[in-house]
Amino acid sequence: MSTGETGLRQLLSEMRSELLRFMLARQCDPAEVEDLLQDLYVKLASIRTGPVNNPRAYLYQMANNLLHDHRRGRRRQQERDDHWTRSRIGPDLEKDAGPSPEERAIARDELQRVNEAIASMPVRTAQILKMYRLDGVSQKAIANTLDLSLSAVEKHLQRAYRTLQFLREELDDTPQLLQTESDDASHY
């Protein structure tokens, strides 16, 4: 069966819901499907074709081509917009949000130093710090588990924090607190 332009437009009206599902199945933005189907209708009205042997396949192929054209156009538009923005703002527009190799190396070094500081602590102090900060165990539960007073757990944590505070100041290149100031600060 062959169909001319008028028959294709009529068939498009009959196949509208099928073509809509066809385009949605190809990840077409649902907000754009109706516009694309209207573009297909306008295209059919403006082109001259001869007889079409398989009009349904012809309309599916036209819809598929229109969808590809739309995607290529959108991609080109995005590239133009990116190029324009870079020319106005500079090449650092899409600077990687992740740390640079230098920042990663510094972070690894700092982590190693923190681990060394924890390893240098008395075993019980390091154990209490890990239970409290890493495992989320309450101070009271730690005291019960280790058969210590709550005050003893607090003192172990103060010592651990003091050690880590000194390391932090060293890493930040800030002056260290005097021992008496540090002891006074740990009471707050």
N, C-alpha and C. Protein backbone atom coordinates (compact mmCIF):
# COMPACT_ATOMS: atom_id res chain seq x y z
N MET A 1 0.85 -1.18 0.00
CA MET A 1 0.00 0.00 0.00
C MET A 1 0.88 1.23 0.00
N SER A 2 0.58 2.18 -0.85
CA SER A 2 1.36 3.41 -0.89
C SER A 2 0.49 4.55 -0.42
N THR A 3 1.17 5.53 0.23
CA THR A 3 0.45 6.64 0.82
C THR A 3 1.16 7.93 0.46
N GLY A 4 0.41 9.00 0.15
CA GLY A 4 0.98 10.31 -0.14
C GLY A 4 1.03 11.15 1.11
N GLU A 5 1.30 12.49 0.93
CA GLU A 5 1.44 13.40 2.08
C GLU A 5 0.18 13.47 2.93
N THR A 6 -0.99 13.56 2.30
CA THR A 6 -2.23 13.68 3.04
C THR A 6 -2.48 12.41 3.86
N GLY A 7 -2.23 11.27 3.26
CA GLY A 7 -2.41 10.01 3.95
C GLY A 7 -1.45 9.86 5.12
N LEU A 8 -0.21 10.36 4.97
CA LEU A 8 0.77 10.29 6.05
C LEU A 8 0.34 11.15 7.24
N ARG A 9 -0.19 12.34 6.94
CA ARG A 9 -0.65 13.21 8.04
C ARG A 9 -1.83 12.56 8.77
N GLN A 10 -2.71 11.94 8.02
CA GLN A 10 -3.85 11.26 8.63
C GLN A 10 -3.36 10.07 9.47
N LEU A 11 -2.41 9.31 8.93
CA LEU A 11 -1.86 8.17 9.66
C LEU A 11 -1.12 8.64 10.92
N LEU A 12 -0.44 9.78 10.83
CA LEU A 12 0.24 10.35 12.00
C LEU A 12 -0.77 10.65 13.10
N SER A 13 -1.90 11.19 12.75
CA SER A 13 -2.95 11.46 13.75
C SER A 13 -3.41 10.16 14.40
N GLU A 14 -3.56 9.11 13.62
CA GLU A 14 -3.99 7.82 14.15
C GLU A 14 -2.90 7.17 15.01
N MET A 15 -1.63 7.37 14.66
CA MET A 15 -0.52 6.73 15.35
C MET A 15 0.09 7.60 16.46
N ARG A 16 -0.50 8.74 16.73
CA ARG A 16 0.09 9.70 17.68
C ARG A 16 0.46 9.05 19.01
N SER A 17 -0.44 8.28 19.60
CA SER A 17 -0.14 7.66 20.90
C SER A 17 0.96 6.61 20.77
N GLU A 18 1.00 5.88 19.65
CA GLU A 18 2.07 4.90 19.44
C GLU A 18 3.43 5.59 19.32
N LEU A 19 3.46 6.67 18.55
CA LEU A 19 4.72 7.41 18.37
C LEU A 19 5.15 8.08 19.67
N LEU A 20 4.19 8.52 20.44
CA LEU A 20 4.51 9.11 21.74
C LEU A 20 5.22 8.08 22.62
N ARG A 21 4.66 6.87 22.70
CA ARG A 21 5.30 5.80 23.47
C ARG A 21 6.65 5.42 22.89
N PHE A 22 6.75 5.41 21.57
CA PHE A 22 8.01 5.10 20.88
C PHE A 22 9.11 6.08 21.30
N MET A 23 8.78 7.36 21.33
CA MET A 23 9.77 8.39 21.70
C MET A 23 10.11 8.33 23.19
N LEU A 24 9.12 8.09 24.01
CA LEU A 24 9.38 7.96 25.44
C LEU A 24 10.28 6.75 25.73
N ALA A 25 10.09 5.68 24.99
CA ALA A 25 10.91 4.48 25.17
C ALA A 25 12.37 4.76 24.80
N ARG A 26 12.59 5.79 24.01
CA ARG A 26 13.96 6.16 23.62
C ARG A 26 14.48 7.32 24.46
N GLN A 27 13.97 7.42 25.69
CA GLN A 27 14.39 8.41 26.68
C GLN A 27 14.24 9.86 26.21
N CYS A 28 13.21 10.10 25.44
CA CYS A 28 12.90 11.48 25.08
C CYS A 28 12.28 12.14 26.30
N ASP A 29 12.63 13.38 26.52
CA ASP A 29 12.08 14.13 27.65
C ASP A 29 10.56 14.22 27.48
N PRO A 30 9.79 13.73 28.46
CA PRO A 30 8.33 13.75 28.33
C PRO A 30 7.76 15.14 28.04
N ALA A 31 8.44 16.17 28.52
CA ALA A 31 7.96 17.54 28.28
C ALA A 31 8.15 17.95 26.82
N GLU A 32 8.98 17.24 26.07
CA GLU A 32 9.28 17.62 24.69
C GLU A 32 8.60 16.73 23.65
N VAL A 33 8.01 15.63 24.07
CA VAL A 33 7.44 14.68 23.12
C VAL A 33 6.37 15.33 22.26
N GLU A 34 5.45 16.04 22.87
CA GLU A 34 4.37 16.67 22.09
C GLU A 34 4.93 17.67 21.09
N ASP A 35 5.93 18.43 21.50
CA ASP A 35 6.55 19.39 20.57
C ASP A 35 7.18 18.67 19.39
N LEU A 36 7.84 17.56 19.67
CA LEU A 36 8.48 16.81 18.59
C LEU A 36 7.45 16.20 17.64
N LEU A 37 6.34 15.72 18.20
CA LEU A 37 5.29 15.18 17.34
C LEU A 37 4.66 16.29 16.49
N GLN A 38 4.54 17.48 17.05
CA GLN A 38 4.03 18.61 16.27
C GLN A 38 5.03 18.97 15.16
N ASP A 39 6.32 18.94 15.49
CA ASP A 39 7.35 19.19 14.48
C ASP A 39 7.25 18.16 13.35
N LEU A 40 6.97 16.91 13.71
CA LEU A 40 6.81 15.86 12.72
C LEU A 40 5.63 16.15 11.80
N TYR A 41 4.54 16.62 12.37
CA TYR A 41 3.36 16.96 11.57
C TYR A 41 3.69 18.11 10.61
N VAL A 42 4.37 19.15 11.13
CA VAL A 42 4.74 20.30 10.29
C VAL A 42 5.67 19.84 9.17
N LYS A 43 6.60 18.97 9.50
CA LYS A 43 7.54 18.47 8.50
C LYS A 43 6.80 17.71 7.40
N LEU A 44 5.83 16.88 7.81
CA LEU A 44 5.04 16.15 6.82
C LEU A 44 4.25 17.10 5.93
N ALA A 45 3.78 18.20 6.49
CA ALA A 45 2.99 19.15 5.72
C ALA A 45 3.86 19.94 4.75
N SER A 46 5.16 20.06 5.06
CA SER A 46 6.02 20.91 4.24
C SER A 46 6.85 20.13 3.22
N ILE A 47 6.92 18.82 3.32
CA ILE A 47 7.74 18.07 2.37
C ILE A 47 6.86 17.43 1.30
N ARG A 48 7.47 17.16 0.21
CA ARG A 48 6.77 16.47 -0.88
C ARG A 48 7.36 15.07 -0.97
N THR A 49 6.53 14.11 -0.88
CA THR A 49 6.99 12.73 -1.03
C THR A 49 6.19 12.06 -2.12
N GLY A 50 6.76 11.05 -2.64
CA GLY A 50 6.02 10.22 -3.58
C GLY A 50 5.28 9.17 -2.79
N PRO A 51 4.79 8.20 -3.44
CA PRO A 51 4.10 7.12 -2.75
C PRO A 51 5.06 6.41 -1.78
N VAL A 52 4.56 6.05 -0.60
CA VAL A 52 5.35 5.38 0.43
C VAL A 52 4.80 3.97 0.57
N ASN A 53 5.69 2.98 0.40
CA ASN A 53 5.25 1.59 0.45
C ASN A 53 4.83 1.15 1.84
N ASN A 54 5.59 1.54 2.87
CA ASN A 54 5.27 1.14 4.25
C ASN A 54 5.15 2.41 5.09
N PRO A 55 3.97 3.02 5.11
CA PRO A 55 3.81 4.33 5.77
C PRO A 55 4.05 4.29 7.29
N ARG A 56 3.68 3.20 7.95
CA ARG A 56 3.91 3.12 9.40
C ARG A 56 5.41 3.13 9.69
N ALA A 57 6.18 2.32 8.97
CA ALA A 57 7.63 2.27 9.16
C ALA A 57 8.24 3.63 8.80
N TYR A 58 7.69 4.26 7.78
CA TYR A 58 8.18 5.58 7.35
C TYR A 58 8.00 6.60 8.48
N LEU A 59 6.84 6.60 9.13
CA LEU A 59 6.59 7.55 10.22
C LEU A 59 7.47 7.24 11.44
N TYR A 60 7.65 5.96 11.74
CA TYR A 60 8.54 5.60 12.85
C TYR A 60 9.96 6.08 12.55
N GLN A 61 10.41 5.88 11.30
CA GLN A 61 11.77 6.31 10.95
C GLN A 61 11.88 7.84 11.00
N MET A 62 10.85 8.54 10.56
CA MET A 62 10.88 10.00 10.64
C MET A 62 10.93 10.47 12.09
N ALA A 63 10.14 9.83 12.96
CA ALA A 63 10.13 10.18 14.38
C ALA A 63 11.50 9.91 14.99
N ASN A 64 12.09 8.79 14.66
CA ASN A 64 13.42 8.43 15.17
C ASN A 64 14.47 9.45 14.69
N ASN A 65 14.43 9.80 13.41
CA ASN A 65 15.37 10.78 12.87
C ASN A 65 15.19 12.15 13.53
N LEU A 66 13.93 12.54 13.72
CA LEU A 66 13.65 13.82 14.36
C LEU A 66 14.19 13.84 15.79
N LEU A 67 14.03 12.74 16.50
CA LEU A 67 14.55 12.64 17.86
C LEU A 67 16.08 12.75 17.87
N HIS A 68 16.75 12.06 16.95
CA HIS A 68 18.21 12.15 16.86
C HIS A 68 18.65 13.57 16.50
N ASP A 69 17.95 14.20 15.54
CA ASP A 69 18.28 15.58 15.17
C ASP A 69 18.14 16.51 16.37
N HIS A 70 17.07 16.32 17.13
CA HIS A 70 16.82 17.15 18.31
C HIS A 70 17.95 16.98 19.33
N ARG A 71 18.39 15.73 19.56
CA ARG A 71 19.48 15.48 20.51
C ARG A 71 20.79 16.09 20.03
N ARG A 72 21.08 15.93 18.74
CA ARG A 72 22.31 16.53 18.20
C ARG A 72 22.28 18.04 18.35
N GLY A 73 21.13 18.64 18.06
CA GLY A 73 20.99 20.08 18.20
C GLY A 73 21.19 20.54 19.64
N ARG A 74 20.62 19.79 20.55
CA ARG A 74 20.76 20.13 21.97
C ARG A 74 22.23 20.00 22.40
N ARG A 75 22.91 18.94 21.94
CA ARG A 75 24.32 18.75 22.28
C ARG A 75 25.17 19.89 21.72
N ARG A 76 24.90 20.28 20.46
CA ARG A 76 25.64 21.41 19.86
C ARG A 76 25.36 22.70 20.63
N GLN A 77 24.13 22.90 21.04
CA GLN A 77 23.79 24.10 21.80
C GLN A 77 24.53 24.11 23.14
N GLN A 78 24.60 22.96 23.80
CA GLN A 78 25.32 22.87 25.06
C GLN A 78 26.80 23.17 24.86
N GLU A 79 27.38 22.64 23.78
CA GLU A 79 28.79 22.90 23.49
C GLU A 79 29.02 24.39 23.23
N ARG A 80 28.11 25.02 22.48
CA ARG A 80 28.23 26.47 22.22
C ARG A 80 28.12 27.26 23.52
N ASP A 81 27.16 26.88 24.36
CA ASP A 81 26.99 27.58 25.63
C ASP A 81 28.23 27.42 26.52
N ASP A 82 28.77 26.20 26.57
CA ASP A 82 29.98 25.96 27.36
C ASP A 82 31.15 26.78 26.81
N HIS A 83 31.29 26.78 25.49
CA HIS A 83 32.39 27.55 24.88
C HIS A 83 32.24 29.03 25.19
N TRP A 84 31.03 29.55 25.05
CA TRP A 84 30.80 30.96 25.34
C TRP A 84 31.11 31.28 26.80
N THR A 85 30.63 30.43 27.71
CA THR A 85 30.86 30.66 29.13
C THR A 85 32.34 30.61 29.45
N ARG A 86 33.06 29.66 28.89
CA ARG A 86 34.51 29.57 29.13
C ARG A 86 35.23 30.80 28.59
N SER A 87 34.77 31.32 27.46
CA SER A 87 35.44 32.50 26.90
C SER A 87 35.18 33.73 27.76
N ARG A 88 34.07 33.73 28.48
CA ARG A 88 33.75 34.87 29.36
C ARG A 88 34.32 34.69 30.77
N ILE A 89 34.31 33.46 31.28
CA ILE A 89 34.71 33.21 32.67
C ILE A 89 36.13 32.69 32.76
N GLY A 90 36.52 31.85 31.82
CA GLY A 90 37.87 31.30 31.84
C GLY A 90 37.82 29.79 31.78
N PRO A 91 38.98 29.19 31.59
CA PRO A 91 39.04 27.73 31.42
C PRO A 91 38.78 26.95 32.68
N ASP A 92 38.76 27.59 33.84
CA ASP A 92 38.57 26.88 35.10
C ASP A 92 37.11 26.66 35.44
N LEU A 93 36.22 26.81 34.45
CA LEU A 93 34.79 26.68 34.69
C LEU A 93 34.45 25.35 35.35
N GLU A 94 35.01 24.28 34.84
CA GLU A 94 34.68 22.97 35.38
C GLU A 94 35.85 22.41 36.16
N LYS A 95 36.43 23.20 37.01
CA LYS A 95 37.54 22.73 37.83
C LYS A 95 37.05 21.54 38.64
N ASP A 96 37.86 20.51 38.64
CA ASP A 96 37.50 19.30 39.37
C ASP A 96 37.29 19.65 40.84
N ALA A 97 36.12 19.28 41.35
CA ALA A 97 35.78 19.59 42.74
C ALA A 97 36.56 18.72 43.71
N GLY A 98 37.12 17.64 43.22
CA GLY A 98 37.89 16.75 44.09
C GLY A 98 39.25 17.35 44.41
N PRO A 99 39.91 16.77 45.39
CA PRO A 99 41.22 17.30 45.77
C PRO A 99 42.26 17.05 44.67
N SER A 100 43.21 17.96 44.60
CA SER A 100 44.30 17.80 43.65
C SER A 100 45.24 16.70 44.14
N PRO A 101 46.12 16.22 43.30
CA PRO A 101 47.08 15.20 43.76
C PRO A 101 47.90 15.70 44.95
N GLU A 102 48.26 16.97 44.95
CA GLU A 102 49.02 17.52 46.07
C GLU A 102 48.19 17.50 47.35
N GLU A 103 46.91 17.90 47.24
CA GLU A 103 46.03 17.89 48.41
C GLU A 103 45.81 16.47 48.93
N ARG A 104 45.71 15.50 48.01
CA ARG A 104 45.56 14.11 48.43
C ARG A 104 46.79 13.62 49.17
N ALA A 105 47.99 13.99 48.67
CA ALA A 105 49.23 13.58 49.33
C ALA A 105 49.33 14.19 50.73
N ILE A 106 48.94 15.46 50.85
CA ILE A 106 48.96 16.12 52.16
C ILE A 106 47.98 15.44 53.10
N ALA A 107 46.79 15.13 52.60
CA ALA A 107 45.78 14.47 53.44
C ALA A 107 46.27 13.09 53.89
N ARG A 108 46.91 12.33 52.98
CA ARG A 108 47.45 11.02 53.37
C ARG A 108 48.51 11.16 54.45
N ASP A 109 49.38 12.18 54.30
CA ASP A 109 50.42 12.42 55.29
C ASP A 109 49.81 12.78 56.65
N GLU A 110 48.80 13.65 56.62
CA GLU A 110 48.16 14.05 57.87
C GLU A 110 47.46 12.86 58.53
N LEU A 111 46.81 12.03 57.73
CA LEU A 111 46.15 10.85 58.28
C LEU A 111 47.18 9.91 58.92
N GLN A 112 48.30 9.75 58.25
CA GLN A 112 49.35 8.90 58.81
C GLN A 112 49.84 9.47 60.15
N ARG A 113 49.99 10.78 60.21
CA ARG A 113 50.45 11.41 61.45
C ARG A 113 49.40 11.28 62.55
N VAL A 114 48.13 11.38 62.22
CA VAL A 114 47.07 11.18 63.22
C VAL A 114 47.11 9.74 63.73
N ASN A 115 47.25 8.79 62.81
CA ASN A 115 47.33 7.38 63.23
C ASN A 115 48.55 7.14 64.12
N GLU A 116 49.67 7.78 63.79
CA GLU A 116 50.87 7.64 64.62
C GLU A 116 50.64 8.25 66.01
N ALA A 117 49.95 9.40 66.05
CA ALA A 117 49.67 10.04 67.33
C ALA A 117 48.77 9.15 68.19
N ILE A 118 47.78 8.54 67.58
CA ILE A 118 46.90 7.63 68.33
C ILE A 118 47.68 6.41 68.79
N ALA A 119 48.56 5.90 67.94
CA ALA A 119 49.37 4.73 68.31
C ALA A 119 50.33 5.06 69.45
N SER A 120 50.72 6.32 69.58
CA SER A 120 51.66 6.70 70.65
C SER A 120 50.94 6.88 72.00
N MET A 121 49.64 6.93 71.98
CA MET A 121 48.87 7.09 73.21
C MET A 121 48.91 5.80 74.02
N PRO A 122 48.70 5.89 75.33
CA PRO A 122 48.55 4.66 76.10
C PRO A 122 47.41 3.83 75.51
N VAL A 123 47.54 2.53 75.59
CA VAL A 123 46.57 1.62 74.95
C VAL A 123 45.15 1.92 75.39
N ARG A 124 44.93 2.10 76.68
CA ARG A 124 43.59 2.33 77.21
C ARG A 124 43.02 3.65 76.66
N THR A 125 43.87 4.69 76.59
CA THR A 125 43.43 6.00 76.08
C THR A 125 43.01 5.88 74.61
N ALA A 126 43.84 5.22 73.81
CA ALA A 126 43.52 5.03 72.39
C ALA A 126 42.24 4.20 72.22
N GLN A 127 42.10 3.18 73.06
CA GLN A 127 40.91 2.32 73.00
C GLN A 127 39.65 3.13 73.30
N ILE A 128 39.71 3.95 74.33
CA ILE A 128 38.55 4.76 74.72
C ILE A 128 38.23 5.78 73.63
N LEU A 129 39.26 6.41 73.07
CA LEU A 129 39.06 7.39 71.99
C LEU A 129 38.36 6.72 70.80
N LYS A 130 38.84 5.56 70.40
CA LYS A 130 38.25 4.86 69.25
C LYS A 130 36.81 4.44 69.55
N MET A 131 36.58 3.94 70.76
CA MET A 131 35.22 3.53 71.10
C MET A 131 34.27 4.72 71.06
N TYR A 132 34.71 5.85 71.59
CA TYR A 132 33.84 7.02 71.70
C TYR A 132 33.67 7.71 70.34
N ARG A 133 34.77 8.01 69.66
CA ARG A 133 34.69 8.79 68.43
C ARG A 133 34.36 7.97 67.18
N LEU A 134 34.90 6.77 67.08
CA LEU A 134 34.68 5.98 65.87
C LEU A 134 33.47 5.06 65.98
N ASP A 135 33.32 4.42 67.12
CA ASP A 135 32.23 3.47 67.29
C ASP A 135 30.95 4.11 67.81
N GLY A 136 31.06 5.34 68.33
CA GLY A 136 29.88 6.04 68.82
C GLY A 136 29.34 5.52 70.14
N VAL A 137 30.19 4.87 70.91
CA VAL A 137 29.77 4.35 72.21
C VAL A 137 29.76 5.50 73.22
N SER A 138 28.73 5.59 74.03
CA SER A 138 28.64 6.68 75.01
C SER A 138 29.72 6.52 76.08
N GLN A 139 30.08 7.63 76.72
CA GLN A 139 31.09 7.59 77.77
C GLN A 139 30.64 6.66 78.91
N LYS A 140 29.38 6.71 79.23
CA LYS A 140 28.86 5.88 80.32
C LYS A 140 28.98 4.39 79.96
N ALA A 141 28.66 4.05 78.71
CA ALA A 141 28.76 2.65 78.28
C ALA A 141 30.22 2.20 78.27
N ILE A 142 31.13 3.10 77.88
CA ILE A 142 32.56 2.77 77.90
C ILE A 142 33.00 2.50 79.34
N ALA A 143 32.57 3.35 80.26
CA ALA A 143 32.92 3.18 81.67
C ALA A 143 32.43 1.82 82.17
N ASN A 144 31.21 1.47 81.83
CA ASN A 144 30.67 0.17 82.25
C ASN A 144 31.42 -0.99 81.61
N THR A 145 31.71 -0.88 80.33
CA THR A 145 32.40 -1.96 79.60
C THR A 145 33.80 -2.20 80.14
N LEU A 146 34.53 -1.09 80.39
CA LEU A 146 35.92 -1.22 80.82
C LEU A 146 36.08 -1.20 82.34
N ASP A 147 34.97 -1.19 83.04
CA ASP A 147 34.96 -1.17 84.51
C ASP A 147 35.78 0.01 85.04
N LEU A 148 35.44 1.20 84.52
CA LEU A 148 36.09 2.45 84.94
C LEU A 148 35.01 3.40 85.42
N SER A 149 35.46 4.44 86.12
CA SER A 149 34.50 5.48 86.49
C SER A 149 34.30 6.40 85.29
N LEU A 150 33.19 7.09 85.25
CA LEU A 150 32.91 8.05 84.18
C LEU A 150 33.99 9.11 84.15
N SER A 151 34.45 9.54 85.30
CA SER A 151 35.51 10.54 85.40
C SER A 151 36.80 10.04 84.75
N ALA A 152 37.14 8.77 84.93
CA ALA A 152 38.35 8.20 84.33
C ALA A 152 38.24 8.20 82.80
N VAL A 153 37.07 7.86 82.30
CA VAL A 153 36.85 7.88 80.84
C VAL A 153 37.03 9.29 80.32
N GLU A 154 36.47 10.28 81.02
CA GLU A 154 36.60 11.68 80.61
C GLU A 154 38.07 12.11 80.60
N LYS A 155 38.84 11.69 81.58
CA LYS A 155 40.26 12.06 81.64
C LYS A 155 41.05 11.42 80.50
N HIS A 156 40.74 10.18 80.17
CA HIS A 156 41.40 9.53 79.02
C HIS A 156 41.09 10.30 77.74
N LEU A 157 39.83 10.69 77.57
CA LEU A 157 39.45 11.44 76.38
C LEU A 157 40.15 12.80 76.33
N GLN A 158 40.27 13.46 77.49
CA GLN A 158 40.97 14.75 77.55
C GLN A 158 42.42 14.59 77.12
N ARG A 159 43.07 13.53 77.57
CA ARG A 159 44.46 13.29 77.18
C ARG A 159 44.56 13.05 75.67
N ALA A 160 43.64 12.27 75.16
CA ALA A 160 43.64 11.98 73.72
C ALA A 160 43.42 13.25 72.92
N TYR A 161 42.45 14.05 73.35
CA TYR A 161 42.17 15.31 72.65
C TYR A 161 43.36 16.25 72.72
N ARG A 162 44.02 16.28 73.85
CA ARG A 162 45.19 17.15 74.01
C ARG A 162 46.28 16.74 73.01
N THR A 163 46.52 15.43 72.90
CA THR A 163 47.52 14.93 71.95
C THR A 163 47.14 15.31 70.52
N LEU A 164 45.88 15.14 70.19
CA LEU A 164 45.43 15.47 68.84
C LEU A 164 45.43 16.98 68.60
N GLN A 165 45.15 17.76 69.65
CA GLN A 165 45.18 19.22 69.52
C GLN A 165 46.61 19.69 69.23
N PHE A 166 47.59 19.12 69.92
CA PHE A 166 48.99 19.48 69.66
C PHE A 166 49.36 19.14 68.22
N LEU A 167 48.93 17.99 67.75
CA LEU A 167 49.21 17.60 66.38
C LEU A 167 48.53 18.56 65.40
N ARG A 168 47.30 18.91 65.68
CA ARG A 168 46.57 19.84 64.81
C ARG A 168 47.29 21.19 64.73
N GLU A 169 47.73 21.68 65.88
CA GLU A 169 48.46 22.96 65.89
C GLU A 169 49.76 22.84 65.12
N GLU A 170 50.40 21.71 65.24
CA GLU A 170 51.65 21.49 64.50
C GLU A 170 51.36 21.47 63.00
N LEU A 171 50.29 20.79 62.61
CA LEU A 171 49.94 20.72 61.19
C LEU A 171 49.49 22.07 60.65
N ASP A 172 48.83 22.84 61.49
CA ASP A 172 48.36 24.16 61.07
C ASP A 172 49.43 25.24 61.23
N ASP A 173 50.60 24.86 61.75
CA ASP A 173 51.68 25.81 62.01
C ASP A 173 51.25 26.94 62.94
N THR A 174 50.42 26.60 63.91
CA THR A 174 50.02 27.60 64.90
C THR A 174 50.77 27.29 66.19
N PRO A 175 51.00 28.32 67.01
CA PRO A 175 51.73 28.07 68.26
C PRO A 175 50.95 27.13 69.16
N GLN A 176 51.69 26.27 69.82
CA GLN A 176 51.06 25.33 70.74
C GLN A 176 50.73 26.05 72.04
N LEU A 177 49.66 25.61 72.66
CA LEU A 177 49.30 26.15 73.97
C LEU A 177 50.30 25.67 75.00
N LEU A 178 50.48 26.47 75.99
CA LEU A 178 51.31 26.01 77.11
C LEU A 178 50.57 24.89 77.81
N GLN A 179 51.28 24.02 78.45
CA GLN A 179 50.68 22.87 79.13
C GLN A 179 49.60 23.30 80.11
N THR A 180 49.82 24.37 80.87
CA THR A 180 48.81 24.80 81.84
C THR A 180 47.57 25.34 81.14
N GLU A 181 47.76 26.06 80.03
CA GLU A 181 46.60 26.57 79.29
C GLU A 181 45.81 25.40 78.72
N SER A 182 46.51 24.38 78.23
CA SER A 182 45.85 23.22 77.67
C SER A 182 45.05 22.49 78.74
N ASP A 183 45.64 22.37 79.92
CA ASP A 183 44.91 21.70 81.02
C ASP A 183 43.68 22.49 81.40
N ASP A 184 43.81 23.84 81.44
CA ASP A 184 42.67 24.68 81.76
C ASP A 184 41.59 24.57 80.70
N ALA A 185 41.98 24.51 79.42
CA ALA A 185 41.01 24.44 78.33
C ALA A 185 40.26 23.13 78.34
N SER A 186 40.87 22.06 78.84
CA SER A 186 40.21 20.76 78.79
C SER A 186 39.09 20.64 79.80
N HIS A 187 38.98 21.59 80.70
CA HIS A 187 37.90 21.53 81.69
C HIS A 187 36.60 22.08 81.15
N TYR A 188 36.62 22.71 80.00
CA TYR A 188 35.40 23.34 79.46
C TYR A 188 34.59 22.41 78.67
